Amino acid sequence: MKIPDELVIFGRTYRVLEVSPIHVSEGVLGLASYREGAIYLDPSLDAALGLNTIWHEALYIAQQDVLGTSDEAQARWLALFVHNFLIHNPAILGCYLSCMSSDPDSLDPPDEDYHQTEKESPITNL
């Protein structure tokens, strides 16, 4: 699974690093370190669990940044929602990639796998 080396959350860059073997042996899938600016991830996770864990840790950081506190259960459920939403709605990624392009005249998705016809998509002419 190839996860980016860095993620930006609310304008701050977080390095994505491997959790220590001790944490892995204790069953820790990931950790967020707000102070260190790092997200630690178990490198042995499959793609689905790894991505869900990244969402979980990113949401955990967002809670800390916005609320000054975090809620483990809330981060878990929000991460599961986002992960499943993206898995079951892959065309939304193409929409983001094309609509947020640095070239405002380029609204074509970068990959045909993300293309939807006007009939299939409730959002047209973005």
Foldseek 3Di string as FASTA:
>chain_A
DDDDQWDAAPRQIAGEAADDPVCVVVVDQWAADLVVRYIHGHPVDDPLVRQLSVQLNSVQNVCCVPVVHGDNVVSNVVSVVVSVVCVVQVLVVQQCPQCVDPDNVGNGRPDPVNDDDCVVDPDPDD
